[in-house]
Amino acid sequence: MRRHRALQRSAGVIVGIVLAAASCRAPLPTPELTWRGEREKAVRAALTPAALARFPGLRFYGFDPACTFRAMLEPVVPPEALEIAASDGRQRPAHRVGRVRLSFPGGDAELTVYQLDDLRAQYPDELFLPFRDAGASRETYGAGRYVDVERLSGGVVSIDFNRAYNPDCAYGISGSCPITPAENTLPFRVEAGEMIPPGHG
């Protein structure tokens, strides 16, 4: 009887810890909730009817404010030409235009920021930041993810890895998706943003 009561008390403590942990989890900020809903709609709209019927929905990590940054974009002068391999076997011409230094929960990183030459004429201010983390092929898409870079004043940029997203090719949407260059591979996990689609590994 005593052992039974002791087990009950232990179970009660464990349940209390679990409930306390759940209650401490911050709700998703409204802008993040809106962005995720719009992202889901965009992917669904691009799928074929057959693919849509099998689509289980997007998966995301929890929101982590420590993965939201404002940083100086250190320019590469002059911009360095290179080619970035794409999912369809093409080489997409691009330029290294800058680098950012960021401190993630998992470690510090220097990431290269690019411009894709075939988009520069139409979108002259658009920056391209692909990255691959240590969870790639298990928790995140193997070829890497993309994150938007917003230009602010004074050479500062805003980058929110909670809004990191998979290339269209991860969902079977046709395209020529750039594959993350080796120089933007991180040795630690970035547990923010979109996760690997089911069925990929």
Protein backbone atom coordinates (compact mmCIF):
# COMPACT_ATOMS: atom_id res chain seq x y z
CA MET A 1 0.00 0.00 0.00
CA ARG A 2 2.80 2.39 0.91
CA ARG A 3 4.58 1.61 -2.36
CA HIS A 4 1.33 2.23 -4.29
CA ARG A 5 0.88 5.63 -2.60
CA ALA A 6 4.50 6.53 -3.28
CA LEU A 7 4.04 5.67 -6.96
CA GLN A 8 0.89 7.79 -7.07
CA ARG A 9 2.77 10.73 -5.53
CA SER A 10 5.61 10.29 -8.07
CA ALA A 11 3.14 10.14 -10.93
CA GLY A 12 1.47 13.29 -9.65
CA VAL A 13 4.81 15.13 -9.57
CA ILE A 14 5.60 14.05 -13.18
CA VAL A 15 2.16 15.15 -14.41
CA GLY A 16 2.62 18.47 -12.62
CA ILE A 17 5.98 19.03 -14.31
CA VAL A 18 4.54 18.22 -17.75
CA LEU A 19 1.58 20.57 -17.24
CA ALA A 20 3.85 23.32 -15.93
CA ALA A 21 6.10 22.96 -18.98
CA ALA A 22 3.09 23.10 -21.30
CA SER A 23 1.72 26.19 -19.56
CA CYS A 24 5.10 27.96 -19.91
CA ARG A 25 5.16 27.47 -23.69
CA ALA A 26 4.52 30.87 -25.27
CA PRO A 27 1.66 31.05 -27.76
CA LEU A 28 2.55 31.66 -31.39
CA PRO A 29 2.75 35.42 -32.10
CA THR A 30 -0.09 36.65 -34.31
CA PRO A 31 2.20 37.75 -37.20
CA GLU A 32 3.84 34.32 -37.15
CA LEU A 33 0.48 32.57 -37.14
CA THR A 34 -0.62 34.69 -40.10
CA TRP A 35 2.60 34.00 -42.01
CA ARG A 36 2.30 30.25 -41.50
CA GLY A 37 -1.30 30.28 -42.70
CA GLU A 38 -0.36 32.22 -45.83
CA ARG A 39 2.58 29.93 -46.48
CA GLU A 40 0.30 26.88 -46.23
CA LYS A 41 -2.18 28.44 -48.68
CA ALA A 42 0.60 29.27 -51.16
CA VAL A 43 1.95 25.71 -51.18
CA ARG A 44 -1.53 24.20 -51.51
CA ALA A 45 -2.35 26.54 -54.40
CA ALA A 46 0.76 25.41 -56.32
CA LEU A 47 0.14 21.66 -55.96
CA THR A 48 -1.52 19.54 -58.60
CA PRO A 49 -4.92 18.08 -57.60
CA ALA A 50 -3.34 14.63 -57.17
CA ALA A 51 -0.54 15.97 -54.97
CA LEU A 52 -2.99 18.10 -53.01
CA ALA A 53 -5.06 15.02 -52.17
CA ARG A 54 -1.97 13.46 -50.55
CA PHE A 55 -0.65 16.65 -48.93
CA PRO A 56 -0.57 16.34 -45.11
CA GLY A 57 0.13 20.02 -44.49
CA LEU A 58 3.25 21.92 -43.50
CA ARG A 59 5.21 21.19 -40.34
CA PHE A 60 7.02 23.86 -38.33
CA TYR A 61 9.26 24.09 -35.31
CA GLY A 62 7.99 26.14 -32.39
CA PHE A 63 8.61 29.89 -32.47
CA ASP A 64 12.05 30.89 -31.16
CA PRO A 65 12.71 34.64 -30.70
CA ALA A 66 16.44 33.85 -30.46
CA CYS A 67 16.36 33.00 -34.18
CA THR A 68 15.26 36.50 -35.20
CA PHE A 69 18.12 38.85 -36.07
CA ARG A 70 19.09 42.33 -37.08
CA ALA A 71 22.64 42.37 -38.39
CA MET A 72 25.00 44.36 -40.55
CA LEU A 73 25.32 43.11 -44.09
CA GLU A 74 29.06 43.12 -44.70
CA PRO A 75 29.31 43.79 -48.44
CA VAL A 76 31.50 41.77 -50.78
CA VAL A 77 33.21 44.39 -52.95
CA PRO A 78 33.09 43.86 -55.82
CA PRO A 79 30.39 41.17 -55.80
CA GLU A 80 31.85 37.77 -56.66
CA ALA A 81 30.37 35.80 -59.55
CA LEU A 82 29.58 32.12 -59.05
CA GLU A 83 27.15 29.44 -60.20
CA ILE A 84 24.72 27.72 -57.82
CA ALA A 85 23.61 24.19 -58.64
CA ALA A 86 19.85 23.74 -59.02
CA SER A 87 17.46 20.83 -58.56
CA ASP A 88 16.96 20.35 -62.31
CA GLY A 89 20.67 19.99 -63.03
CA ARG A 90 21.13 23.56 -64.18
CA GLN A 91 23.76 25.96 -62.87
CA ARG A 92 22.14 29.26 -61.96
CA PRO A 93 24.46 32.29 -62.26
CA ALA A 94 24.64 34.38 -59.12
CA HIS A 95 26.83 36.81 -57.17
CA ARG A 96 28.02 36.85 -53.57
CA VAL A 97 26.99 40.29 -52.42
CA GLY A 98 27.54 40.17 -48.66
CA ARG A 99 27.91 38.21 -45.45
CA VAL A 100 26.15 38.27 -42.09
CA ARG A 101 27.46 37.13 -38.71
CA LEU A 102 24.78 35.65 -36.48
CA SER A 103 24.66 34.02 -33.03
CA PHE A 104 22.14 31.17 -32.94
CA PRO A 105 21.23 29.17 -29.82
CA GLY A 106 23.35 26.35 -31.31
CA GLY A 107 26.43 28.43 -32.15
CA ASP A 108 27.84 31.33 -34.15
CA ALA A 109 27.70 31.46 -37.93
CA GLU A 110 28.83 33.49 -40.91
CA LEU A 111 26.43 33.13 -43.83
CA THR A 112 26.85 34.35 -47.39
CA VAL A 113 24.09 36.40 -48.99
CA TYR A 114 23.59 36.16 -52.76
CA GLN A 115 21.74 37.68 -55.67
CA LEU A 116 20.50 35.39 -58.43
CA ASP A 117 21.42 36.91 -61.77
CA ASP A 118 18.28 35.69 -63.54
CA LEU A 119 16.10 37.56 -61.04
CA ARG A 120 18.22 40.68 -60.54
CA ALA A 121 16.80 42.62 -63.49
CA GLN A 122 13.23 42.17 -62.24
CA TYR A 123 14.04 42.34 -58.51
CA PRO A 124 17.22 44.45 -58.17
CA ASP A 125 17.04 44.71 -54.36
CA GLU A 126 16.16 41.08 -53.63
CA LEU A 127 18.69 39.16 -51.57
CA PHE A 128 18.90 35.36 -51.44
CA LEU A 129 19.96 33.45 -48.32
CA PRO A 130 19.91 29.64 -48.55
CA PHE A 131 21.24 27.60 -45.63
CA ARG A 132 21.56 23.99 -44.53
CA ASP A 133 21.74 22.96 -40.88
CA ALA A 134 22.90 19.83 -39.03
CA GLY A 135 19.34 18.46 -38.98
CA ALA A 136 19.20 18.29 -42.79
CA SER A 137 17.70 15.07 -44.23
CA ARG A 138 16.30 14.18 -40.79
CA GLU A 139 14.44 17.19 -39.44
CA THR A 140 14.92 19.73 -42.23
CA TYR A 141 15.00 19.47 -46.01
CA GLY A 142 18.21 17.85 -47.26
CA ALA A 143 19.02 20.42 -49.96
CA GLY A 144 18.59 23.29 -47.50
CA ARG A 145 16.04 25.96 -46.75
CA TYR A 146 15.64 29.61 -47.72
CA VAL A 147 15.07 32.65 -45.54
CA ASP A 148 14.14 36.16 -46.65
CA VAL A 149 16.50 39.06 -46.01
CA GLU A 150 14.85 42.43 -45.47
CA ARG A 151 16.96 45.51 -46.10
CA LEU A 152 16.73 48.19 -43.40
CA SER A 153 18.57 51.51 -43.23
CA GLY A 154 22.30 51.94 -42.72
CA GLY A 155 23.33 48.58 -44.14
CA VAL A 156 21.33 46.67 -41.52
CA VAL A 157 19.21 43.67 -42.52
CA SER A 158 16.43 41.78 -40.73
CA ILE A 159 16.40 37.98 -40.93
CA ASP A 160 13.81 35.79 -39.19
CA PHE A 161 14.66 32.08 -39.28
CA ASN A 162 11.24 31.30 -37.83
CA ARG A 163 10.14 32.00 -41.40
CA ALA A 164 12.71 29.75 -43.05
CA TYR A 165 10.94 27.79 -45.77
CA ASN A 166 11.54 24.80 -48.01
CA PRO A 167 12.17 25.15 -51.76
CA ASP A 168 9.13 24.43 -53.96
CA CYS A 169 10.90 21.29 -55.14
CA ALA A 170 10.49 19.79 -51.66
CA TYR A 171 6.77 19.50 -52.45
CA GLY A 172 7.14 18.30 -56.03
CA ILE A 173 6.34 21.73 -57.46
CA SER A 174 8.25 22.09 -60.72
CA GLY A 175 11.07 24.56 -60.84
CA SER A 176 14.81 25.11 -60.80
CA CYS A 177 15.40 25.33 -57.05
CA PRO A 178 18.87 26.48 -55.97
CA ILE A 179 20.69 23.98 -53.75
CA THR A 180 22.42 25.49 -50.73
CA PRO A 181 26.14 26.06 -51.44
CA ALA A 182 28.54 24.25 -49.09
CA GLU A 183 29.73 27.54 -47.59
CA ASN A 184 26.27 28.06 -46.04
CA THR A 185 26.17 24.69 -44.27
CA LEU A 186 25.95 25.07 -40.49
CA PRO A 187 27.46 22.53 -38.06
CA PHE A 188 24.49 22.81 -35.68
CA ARG A 189 20.71 22.53 -35.90
CA VAL A 190 18.50 25.56 -36.47
CA GLU A 191 15.26 24.55 -34.77
CA ALA A 192 13.11 27.25 -36.30
CA GLY A 193 10.98 27.54 -39.43
CA GLU A 194 9.65 24.90 -41.75
CA MET A 195 10.52 21.23 -41.17
CA ILE A 196 11.13 18.42 -43.64
CA PRO A 197 8.02 17.27 -45.54
CA PRO A 198 6.80 13.77 -44.64
CA GLY A 199 8.29 11.12 -46.89
CA HIS A 200 11.65 12.84 -47.35
CA GLY A 201 14.81 11.60 -45.72
